[in-house]
C-alpha atoms as a PDB file:
ATOM      1  CA  MET A   1       0.289   0.151  -0.300  1.00  0.00           C
ATOM      2  CA  ALA A   2       2.639   2.370   0.955  1.00  0.00           C
ATOM      3  CA  ASP A   3       4.001   2.101  -2.931  1.00  0.00           C
ATOM      4  CA  ALA A   4       0.886   3.572  -4.023  1.00  0.00           C
ATOM      5  CA  LEU A   5       2.214   6.722  -2.682  1.00  0.00           C
ATOM      6  CA  LEU A   6       4.850   6.746  -3.893  1.00  0.00           C
ATOM      7  CA  PRO A   7       6.026   8.945  -7.238  1.00  0.00           C
ATOM      8  CA  PRO A   8       6.802   6.740 -10.244  1.00  0.00           C
ATOM      9  CA  ALA A   9      10.417   5.740 -10.417  1.00  0.00           C
ATOM     10  CA  PRO A  10      12.263   8.382 -13.446  1.00  0.00           C
ATOM     11  CA  VAL A  11      12.560   6.229 -16.984  1.00  0.00           C
ATOM     12  CA  ALA A  12      15.765   7.162 -18.821  1.00  0.00           C
ATOM     13  CA  THR A  13      14.874   7.183 -22.620  1.00  0.00           C
ATOM     14  CA  THR A  14      16.315   6.559 -26.129  1.00  0.00           C
ATOM     15  CA  ALA A  15      16.912  10.422 -26.892  1.00  0.00           C
ATOM     16  CA  LEU A  16      18.509  11.213 -23.130  1.00  0.00           C
ATOM     17  CA  LEU A  17      20.950   7.717 -24.013  1.00  0.00           C
ATOM     18  CA  ASP A  18      21.490   8.386 -27.748  1.00  0.00           C
ATOM     19  CA  ARG A  19      21.982  12.481 -27.111  1.00  0.00           C
ATOM     20  CA  ASP A  20      26.100  13.968 -28.375  1.00  0.00           C
ATOM     21  CA  PRO A  21      26.645  14.849 -24.823  1.00  0.00           C
ATOM     22  CA  ARG A  22      28.661  17.981 -26.428  1.00  0.00           C
ATOM     23  CA  ALA A  23      25.799  18.971 -28.457  1.00  0.00           C
ATOM     24  CA  ALA A  24      23.903  20.924 -25.416  1.00  0.00           C
ATOM     25  CA  THR A  25      25.366  22.993 -22.045  1.00  0.00           C
ATOM     26  CA  PRO A  26      25.427  20.812 -19.129  1.00  0.00           C
ATOM     27  CA  VAL A  27      23.460  22.649 -16.508  1.00  0.00           C
ATOM     28  CA  ILE A  28      26.085  22.177 -13.800  1.00  0.00           C
ATOM     29  CA  GLU A  29      29.650  20.709 -14.929  1.00  0.00           C
ATOM     30  CA  LEU A  30      32.914  19.582 -12.848  1.00  0.00           C
ATOM     31  CA  THR A  31      35.862  18.378 -14.342  1.00  0.00           C
ATOM     32  CA  ASP A  32      39.017  17.314 -12.434  1.00  0.00           C
ATOM     33  CA  ALA A  33      38.084  18.417  -8.953  1.00  0.00           C
ATOM     34  CA  GLY A  34      38.846  17.614  -5.731  1.00  0.00           C
ATOM     35  CA  LYS A  35      39.130  18.032  -2.283  1.00  0.00           C
ATOM     36  CA  THR A  36      41.778  17.446   0.434  1.00  0.00           C
ATOM     37  CA  TYR A  37      41.294  17.966   4.196  1.00  0.00           C
ATOM     38  CA  ARG A  38      44.626  19.473   6.194  1.00  0.00           C
ATOM     39  CA  THR A  39      45.332  19.069  10.192  1.00  0.00           C
ATOM     40  CA  GLY A  40      48.272  20.437  11.056  1.00  0.00           C
ATOM     41  CA  THR A  41      51.047  17.909   9.022  1.00  0.00           C
ATOM     42  CA  ILE A  42      48.050  14.643   8.121  1.00  0.00           C
ATOM     43  CA  GLU A  43      46.309  15.360   4.821  1.00  0.00           C
ATOM     44  CA  PHE A  44      43.709  12.986   3.613  1.00  0.00           C
ATOM     45  CA  GLU A  45      42.537  13.706   0.017  1.00  0.00           C
ATOM     46  CA  ALA A  46      38.563  12.723   0.107  1.00  0.00           C
ATOM     47  CA  LEU A  47      38.250  13.127  -3.580  1.00  0.00           C
ATOM     48  CA  ARG A  48      40.442  13.602  -6.528  1.00  0.00           C
ATOM     49  CA  GLY A  49      39.590  14.194 -10.537  1.00  0.00           C
ATOM     50  CA  VAL A  50      36.049  13.842  -9.613  1.00  0.00           C
ATOM     51  CA  ASP A  51      33.862  14.633 -13.161  1.00  0.00           C
ATOM     52  CA  LEU A  52      29.892  15.464 -13.262  1.00  0.00           C
ATOM     53  CA  ARG A  53      28.135  16.312 -16.025  1.00  0.00           C
ATOM     54  CA  ILE A  54      24.232  17.720 -15.294  1.00  0.00           C
ATOM     55  CA  GLU A  55      22.624  18.070 -18.551  1.00  0.00           C
ATOM     56  CA  GLN A  56      19.430  19.929 -18.242  1.00  0.00           C
ATOM     57  CA  GLY A  57      16.081  17.355 -17.134  1.00  0.00           C
ATOM     58  CA  GLU A  58      18.542  14.829 -15.876  1.00  0.00           C
ATOM     59  CA  TYR A  59      17.855  14.275 -12.075  1.00  0.00           C
ATOM     60  CA  VAL A  60      20.541  13.260  -9.567  1.00  0.00           C
ATOM     61  CA  ALA A  61      20.614  12.887  -6.267  1.00  0.00           C
ATOM     62  CA  ILE A  62      23.782  12.800  -3.917  1.00  0.00           C
ATOM     63  CA  MET A  63      23.737  11.264  -0.500  1.00  0.00           C
ATOM     64  CA  GLY A  64      26.630  10.670   2.133  1.00  0.00           C
ATOM     65  CA  PRO A  65      26.775  10.923   6.111  1.00  0.00           C
ATOM     66  CA  ARG A  66      25.286  13.887   7.622  1.00  0.00           C
ATOM     67  CA  ALA A  67      27.986  15.731   9.123  1.00  0.00           C
ATOM     68  CA  PRO A  68      27.585  16.224  13.503  1.00  0.00           C
ATOM     69  CA  ALA A  69      27.572  19.475  13.407  1.00  0.00           C
ATOM     70  CA  SER A  70      23.644  19.666  11.333  1.00  0.00           C
ATOM     71  CA  ARG A  71      22.097  16.711  13.321  1.00  0.00           C
ATOM     72  CA  PRO A  72      19.874  18.692  16.122  1.00  0.00           C
END
């Protein structure tokens, strides 16, 4: 019964999959993104060389653990 309350899952269409990625300007684009955390002499490379391209009409969700400071 709970499934009836959820919206339908998105379905990739052939037009979206066959599209030339260079044909349109992306809504969001990251190239070679990185993030390094430093504490004193310790370095932790959380991200290295991340590429991301989000086209108009695409749905994207990025999830991870909540930061301790954001907990009520």
